[in-house]
Structures are given as C-alpha cells and as structure tokens.
Amino acid sequence: MLRCPHELIHLMERVRLMFPKLSDDSLLDAYRSAIRLGLDWEFVRMLRSEIRRRCLKLPEGREF
C-alpha cells in the first residue's frame, strides 16, 4: 500500500518508463481497461500520450 503521494509519483514514473516495452496491442488493451475501470486520470493520460507518440489510433470510447 502506498503511504504518501510521493510514492504514487515514483510508481507512475516507473510505469511510464515501461511503456516502450509494451506491444502496441498491449498498450491499447491497457488503455481500454484503464478507461473501463475508471483508473486515475493521470495514468490514463500517460497511456494516451504513449499511444499518440506511437501514432496509433485511440480506441473508441470515453475520452477525457
């Protein structure tokens, strides 16, 4: 369990560094799942940024 906001920031930075290792399909699946599960907006934004960086089409569905 995270004890403070700094731990969350550190965790999200580590996750962001792992994005390039995800396949395109896995990245899009992660985005769809994050939207469906209502995960943290900042996490969804990071996924969306990586999708755009790769010039992939955002899956249809709810946008922020």
PDB file of N, CA and C in Angstrom:
ATOM      1  N   MET A   1       0.833  -1.185   0.000  1.00  0.00           N
ATOM      2  CA  MET A   1       0.000   0.000   0.000  1.00  0.00           C
ATOM      3  C   MET A   1       0.880   1.252   0.000  1.00  0.00           C
ATOM      4  N   LEU A   2       0.482   2.238  -0.793  1.00  0.00           N
ATOM      5  CA  LEU A   2       1.249   3.473  -0.880  1.00  0.00           C
ATOM      6  C   LEU A   2       1.001   4.320   0.361  1.00  0.00           C
ATOM      7  N   ARG A   3       2.076   4.893   0.887  1.00  0.00           N
ATOM      8  CA  ARG A   3       1.971   5.661   2.115  1.00  0.00           C
ATOM      9  C   ARG A   3       1.868   7.164   1.881  1.00  0.00           C
ATOM     10  N   CYS A   4       2.337   7.653   0.761  1.00  0.00           N
ATOM     11  CA  CYS A   4       2.279   9.097   0.536  1.00  0.00           C
ATOM     12  C   CYS A   4       2.217   9.379  -0.971  1.00  0.00           C
ATOM     13  N   PRO A   5       1.844  10.603  -1.345  1.00  0.00           N
ATOM     14  CA  PRO A   5       1.753  10.953  -2.776  1.00  0.00           C
ATOM     15  C   PRO A   5       3.076  10.782  -3.519  1.00  0.00           C
ATOM     16  N   HIS A   6       4.191  10.954  -2.811  1.00  0.00           N
ATOM     17  CA  HIS A   6       5.499  10.800  -3.473  1.00  0.00           C
ATOM     18  C   HIS A   6       5.707   9.374  -3.964  1.00  0.00           C
ATOM     19  N   GLU A   7       5.200   8.413  -3.213  1.00  0.00           N
ATOM     20  CA  GLU A   7       5.309   7.018  -3.636  1.00  0.00           C
ATOM     21  C   GLU A   7       4.490   6.775  -4.895  1.00  0.00           C
ATOM     22  N   LEU A   8       3.325   7.390  -4.987  1.00  0.00           N
ATOM     23  CA  LEU A   8       2.497   7.253  -6.182  1.00  0.00           C
ATOM     24  C   LEU A   8       3.197   7.868  -7.391  1.00  0.00           C
ATOM     25  N   ILE A   9       3.789   9.026  -7.206  1.00  0.00           N
ATOM     26  CA  ILE A   9       4.513   9.686  -8.299  1.00  0.00           C
ATOM     27  C   ILE A   9       5.667   8.811  -8.762  1.00  0.00           C
ATOM     28  N   HIS A  10       6.413   8.250  -7.819  1.00  0.00           N
ATOM     29  CA  HIS A  10       7.532   7.375  -8.165  1.00  0.00           C
ATOM     30  C   HIS A  10       7.048   6.135  -8.915  1.00  0.00           C
ATOM     31  N   LEU A  11       5.963   5.537  -8.448  1.00  0.00           N
ATOM     32  CA  LEU A  11       5.408   4.364  -9.105  1.00  0.00           C
ATOM     33  C   LEU A  11       4.960   4.691 -10.528  1.00  0.00           C
ATOM     34  N   MET A  12       4.267   5.819 -10.701  1.00  0.00           N
ATOM     35  CA  MET A  12       3.786   6.190 -12.037  1.00  0.00           C
ATOM     36  C   MET A  12       4.951   6.464 -12.982  1.00  0.00           C
ATOM     37  N   GLU A  13       6.034   7.030 -12.488  1.00  0.00           N
ATOM     38  CA  GLU A  13       7.217   7.259 -13.323  1.00  0.00           C
ATOM     39  C   GLU A  13       7.829   5.929 -13.763  1.00  0.00           C
ATOM     40  N   ARG A  14       7.883   4.969 -12.863  1.00  0.00           N
ATOM     41  CA  ARG A  14       8.409   3.649 -13.224  1.00  0.00           C
ATOM     42  C   ARG A  14       7.534   2.985 -14.282  1.00  0.00           C
ATOM     43  N   VAL A  15       6.219   3.115 -14.127  1.00  0.00           N
ATOM     44  CA  VAL A  15       5.298   2.539 -15.106  1.00  0.00           C
ATOM     45  C   VAL A  15       5.493   3.212 -16.465  1.00  0.00           C
ATOM     46  N   ARG A  16       5.609   4.545 -16.466  1.00  0.00           N
ATOM     47  CA  ARG A  16       5.788   5.279 -17.722  1.00  0.00           C
ATOM     48  C   ARG A  16       7.048   4.823 -18.448  1.00  0.00           C
ATOM     49  N   LEU A  17       8.103   4.521 -17.710  1.00  0.00           N
ATOM     50  CA  LEU A  17       9.345   4.061 -18.330  1.00  0.00           C
ATOM     51  C   LEU A  17       9.198   2.674 -18.943  1.00  0.00           C
ATOM     52  N   MET A  18       8.196   1.922 -18.492  1.00  0.00           N
ATOM     53  CA  MET A  18       7.972   0.581 -19.030  1.00  0.00           C
ATOM     54  C   MET A  18       7.093   0.590 -20.286  1.00  0.00           C
ATOM     55  N   PHE A  19       6.410   1.697 -20.559  1.00  0.00           N
ATOM     56  CA  PHE A  19       5.516   1.757 -21.721  1.00  0.00           C
ATOM     57  C   PHE A  19       6.198   1.360 -23.027  1.00  0.00           C
ATOM     58  N   PRO A  20       7.417   1.840 -23.303  1.00  0.00           N
ATOM     59  CA  PRO A  20       8.033   1.466 -24.586  1.00  0.00           C
ATOM     60  C   PRO A  20       8.211  -0.040 -24.759  1.00  0.00           C
ATOM     61  N   LYS A  21       8.212  -0.796 -23.676  1.00  0.00           N
ATOM     62  CA  LYS A  21       8.379  -2.250 -23.767  1.00  0.00           C
ATOM     63  C   LYS A  21       7.078  -2.964 -24.103  1.00  0.00           C
ATOM     64  N   LEU A  22       5.950  -2.282 -23.962  1.00  0.00           N
ATOM     65  CA  LEU A  22       4.653  -2.885 -24.284  1.00  0.00           C
ATOM     66  C   LEU A  22       4.456  -2.955 -25.790  1.00  0.00           C
ATOM     67  N   SER A  23       3.837  -4.023 -26.230  1.00  0.00           N
ATOM     68  CA  SER A  23       3.462  -4.089 -27.647  1.00  0.00           C
ATOM     69  C   SER A  23       2.329  -3.087 -27.875  1.00  0.00           C
ATOM     70  N   ASP A  24       2.108  -2.727 -29.125  1.00  0.00           N
ATOM     71  CA  ASP A  24       1.023  -1.805 -29.448  1.00  0.00           C
ATOM     72  C   ASP A  24      -0.317  -2.342 -28.957  1.00  0.00           C
ATOM     73  N   ASP A  25      -0.564  -3.626 -29.190  1.00  0.00           N
ATOM     74  CA  ASP A  25      -1.836  -4.223 -28.766  1.00  0.00           C
ATOM     75  C   ASP A  25      -1.991  -4.186 -27.247  1.00  0.00           C
ATOM     76  N   SER A  26      -0.916  -4.475 -26.519  1.00  0.00           N
ATOM     77  CA  SER A  26      -0.986  -4.442 -25.061  1.00  0.00           C
ATOM     78  C   SER A  26      -1.237  -3.029 -24.548  1.00  0.00           C
ATOM     79  N   LEU A  27      -0.619  -2.057 -25.187  1.00  0.00           N
ATOM     80  CA  LEU A  27      -0.824  -0.667 -24.798  1.00  0.00           C
ATOM     81  C   LEU A  27      -2.278  -0.258 -25.006  1.00  0.00           C
ATOM     82  N   LEU A  28      -2.843  -0.611 -26.138  1.00  0.00           N
ATOM     83  CA  LEU A  28      -4.242  -0.275 -26.418  1.00  0.00           C
ATOM     84  C   LEU A  28      -5.185  -1.014 -25.468  1.00  0.00           C
ATOM     85  N   ASP A  29      -4.871  -2.275 -25.153  1.00  0.00           N
ATOM     86  CA  ASP A  29      -5.677  -3.024 -24.185  1.00  0.00           C
ATOM     87  C   ASP A  29      -5.606  -2.377 -22.801  1.00  0.00           C
ATOM     88  N   ALA A  30      -4.406  -1.941 -22.413  1.00  0.00           N
ATOM     89  CA  ALA A  30      -4.247  -1.280 -21.115  1.00  0.00           C
ATOM     90  C   ALA A  30      -5.062   0.007 -21.062  1.00  0.00           C
ATOM     91  N   TYR A  31      -5.076   0.759 -22.170  1.00  0.00           N
ATOM     92  CA  TYR A  31      -5.851   2.000 -22.227  1.00  0.00           C
ATOM     93  C   TYR A  31      -7.345   1.711 -22.079  1.00  0.00           C
ATOM     94  N   ARG A  32      -7.831   0.733 -22.857  1.00  0.00           N
ATOM     95  CA  ARG A  32      -9.258   0.377 -22.774  1.00  0.00           C
ATOM     96  C   ARG A  32      -9.621  -0.075 -21.358  1.00  0.00           C
ATOM     97  N   SER A  33      -8.765  -0.878 -20.751  1.00  0.00           N
ATOM     98  CA  SER A  33      -9.042  -1.367 -19.395  1.00  0.00           C
ATOM     99  C   SER A  33      -9.017  -0.232 -18.377  1.00  0.00           C
ATOM    100  N   ALA A  34      -8.073   0.680 -18.519  1.00  0.00           N
ATOM    101  CA  ALA A  34      -7.979   1.811 -17.589  1.00  0.00           C
ATOM    102  C   ALA A  34      -9.233   2.673 -17.665  1.00  0.00           C
ATOM    103  N   ILE A  35      -9.745   2.884 -18.875  1.00  0.00           N
ATOM    104  CA  ILE A  35     -10.971   3.662 -19.045  1.00  0.00           C
ATOM    105  C   ILE A  35     -12.149   2.914 -18.409  1.00  0.00           C
ATOM    106  N   ARG A  36     -12.251   1.629 -18.734  1.00  0.00           N
ATOM    107  CA  ARG A  36     -13.376   0.817 -18.244  1.00  0.00           C
ATOM    108  C   ARG A  36     -13.396   0.744 -16.719  1.00  0.00           C
ATOM    109  N   LEU A  37     -12.207   0.651 -16.114  1.00  0.00           N
ATOM    110  CA  LEU A  37     -12.118   0.515 -14.662  1.00  0.00           C
ATOM    111  C   LEU A  37     -12.115   1.855 -13.927  1.00  0.00           C
ATOM    112  N   GLY A  38     -12.086   2.943 -14.698  1.00  0.00           N
ATOM    113  CA  GLY A  38     -12.091   4.268 -14.070  1.00  0.00           C
ATOM    114  C   GLY A  38     -10.832   4.558 -13.279  1.00  0.00           C
ATOM    115  N   LEU A  39      -9.677   4.130 -13.820  1.00  0.00           N
ATOM    116  CA  LEU A  39      -8.422   4.351 -13.114  1.00  0.00           C
ATOM    117  C   LEU A  39      -8.052   5.830 -13.101  1.00  0.00           C
ATOM    118  N   ASP A  40      -7.030   6.154 -12.348  1.00  0.00           N
ATOM    119  CA  ASP A  40      -6.571   7.522 -12.163  1.00  0.00           C
ATOM    120  C   ASP A  40      -6.396   8.240 -13.503  1.00  0.00           C
ATOM    121  N   TRP A  41      -6.916   9.478 -13.561  1.00  0.00           N
ATOM    122  CA  TRP A  41      -6.873  10.257 -14.802  1.00  0.00           C
ATOM    123  C   TRP A  41      -5.447  10.460 -15.287  1.00  0.00           C
ATOM    124  N   GLU A  42      -4.511  10.668 -14.386  1.00  0.00           N
ATOM    125  CA  GLU A  42      -3.111  10.886 -14.779  1.00  0.00           C
ATOM    126  C   GLU A  42      -2.541   9.640 -15.447  1.00  0.00           C
ATOM    127  N   PHE A  43      -2.894   8.472 -14.950  1.00  0.00           N
ATOM    128  CA  PHE A  43      -2.431   7.227 -15.561  1.00  0.00           C
ATOM    129  C   PHE A  43      -3.014   7.074 -16.963  1.00  0.00           C
ATOM    130  N   VAL A  44      -4.298   7.349 -17.104  1.00  0.00           N
ATOM    131  CA  VAL A  44      -4.950   7.272 -18.419  1.00  0.00           C
ATOM    132  C   VAL A  44      -4.290   8.262 -19.381  1.00  0.00           C
ATOM    133  N   ARG A  45      -3.978   9.461 -18.888  1.00  0.00           N
ATOM    134  CA  ARG A  45      -3.328  10.477 -19.717  1.00  0.00           C
ATOM    135  C   ARG A  45      -1.949   9.999 -20.188  1.00  0.00           C
ATOM    136  N   MET A  46      -1.211   9.322 -19.304  1.00  0.00           N
ATOM    137  CA  MET A  46       0.099   8.806 -19.685  1.00  0.00           C
ATOM    138  C   MET A  46      -0.035   7.729 -20.759  1.00  0.00           C
ATOM    139  N   LEU A  47      -1.015   6.860 -20.614  1.00  0.00           N
ATOM    140  CA  LEU A  47      -1.258   5.848 -21.646  1.00  0.00           C
ATOM    141  C   LEU A  47      -1.597   6.502 -22.983  1.00  0.00           C
ATOM    142  N   ARG A  48      -2.497   7.501 -22.940  1.00  0.00           N
ATOM    143  CA  ARG A  48      -2.917   8.187 -24.154  1.00  0.00           C
ATOM    144  C   ARG A  48      -1.736   8.894 -24.826  1.00  0.00           C
ATOM    145  N   SER A  49      -0.852   9.471 -24.033  1.00  0.00           N
ATOM    146  CA  SER A  49       0.333  10.139 -24.590  1.00  0.00           C
ATOM    147  C   SER A  49       1.226   9.145 -25.322  1.00  0.00           C
ATOM    148  N   GLU A  50       1.397   7.965 -24.743  1.00  0.00           N
ATOM    149  CA  GLU A  50       2.225   6.951 -25.402  1.00  0.00           C
ATOM    150  C   GLU A  50       1.553   6.446 -26.675  1.00  0.00           C
ATOM    151  N   ILE A  51       0.243   6.304 -26.659  1.00  0.00           N
ATOM    152  CA  ILE A  51      -0.490   5.886 -27.859  1.00  0.00           C
ATOM    153  C   ILE A  51      -0.275   6.913 -28.972  1.00  0.00           C
ATOM    154  N   ARG A  52      -0.390   8.176 -28.635  1.00  0.00           N
ATOM    155  CA  ARG A  52      -0.191   9.234 -29.641  1.00  0.00           C
ATOM    156  C   ARG A  52       1.258   9.293 -30.109  1.00  0.00           C
ATOM    157  N   ARG A  53       2.205   9.086 -29.185  1.00  0.00           N
ATOM    158  CA  ARG A  53       3.626   9.106 -29.565  1.00  0.00           C
ATOM    159  C   ARG A  53       3.912   8.034 -30.619  1.00  0.00           C
ATOM    160  N   ARG A  54       3.218   6.904 -30.507  1.00  0.00           N
ATOM    161  CA  ARG A  54       3.405   5.816 -31.474  1.00  0.00           C
ATOM    162  C   ARG A  54       2.539   5.984 -32.722  1.00  0.00           C
ATOM    163  N   CYS A  55       1.773   7.063 -32.761  1.00  0.00           N
ATOM    164  CA  CYS A  55       0.876   7.332 -33.898  1.00  0.00           C
ATOM    165  C   CYS A  55      -0.162   6.220 -34.081  1.00  0.00           C
ATOM    166  N   LEU A  56      -0.658   5.708 -32.965  1.00  0.00           N
ATOM    167  CA  LEU A  56      -1.719   4.711 -33.001  1.00  0.00           C
ATOM    168  C   LEU A  56      -3.059   5.419 -32.899  1.00  0.00           C
ATOM    169  N   LYS A  57      -4.085   4.765 -33.368  1.00  0.00           N
ATOM    170  CA  LYS A  57      -5.432   5.319 -33.261  1.00  0.00           C
ATOM    171  C   LYS A  57      -5.985   4.979 -31.885  1.00  0.00           C
ATOM    172  N   LEU A  58      -6.482   6.008 -31.184  1.00  0.00           N
ATOM    173  CA  LEU A  58      -7.097   5.775 -29.882  1.00  0.00           C
ATOM    174  C   LEU A  58      -8.331   4.891 -30.049  1.00  0.00           C
ATOM    175  N   PRO A  59      -8.497   3.907 -29.154  1.00  0.00           N
ATOM    176  CA  PRO A  59      -9.703   3.078 -29.236  1.00  0.00           C
ATOM    177  C   PRO A  59     -10.939   3.941 -29.037  1.00  0.00           C
ATOM    178  N   GLU A  60     -12.022   3.543 -29.660  1.00  0.00           N
ATOM    179  CA  GLU A  60     -13.270   4.276 -29.471  1.00  0.00           C
ATOM    180  C   GLU A  60     -13.720   4.119 -28.029  1.00  0.00           C
ATOM    181  N   GLY A  61     -14.348   5.115 -27.527  1.00  0.00           N
ATOM    182  CA  GLY A  61     -14.836   5.077 -26.158  1.00  0.00           C
ATOM    183  C   GLY A  61     -14.698   6.424 -25.506  1.00  0.00           C
ATOM    184  N   ARG A  62     -14.852   6.431 -24.219  1.00  0.00           N
ATOM    185  CA  ARG A  62     -14.837   7.662 -23.462  1.00  0.00           C
ATOM    186  C   ARG A  62     -13.465   8.329 -23.507  1.00  0.00           C
ATOM    187  N   GLU A  63     -13.464   9.622 -23.752  1.00  0.00           N
ATOM    188  CA  GLU A  63     -12.248  10.438 -23.754  1.00  0.00           C
ATOM    189  C   GLU A  63     -12.274  11.366 -22.561  1.00  0.00           C
ATOM    190  N   PHE A  64     -11.139  11.792 -22.132  1.00  0.00           N
ATOM    191  CA  PHE A  64     -11.056  12.765 -21.037  1.00  0.00           C
ATOM    192  C   PHE A  64     -10.814  14.132 -21.608  1.00  0.00           C
TER     193      PHE A  64
END
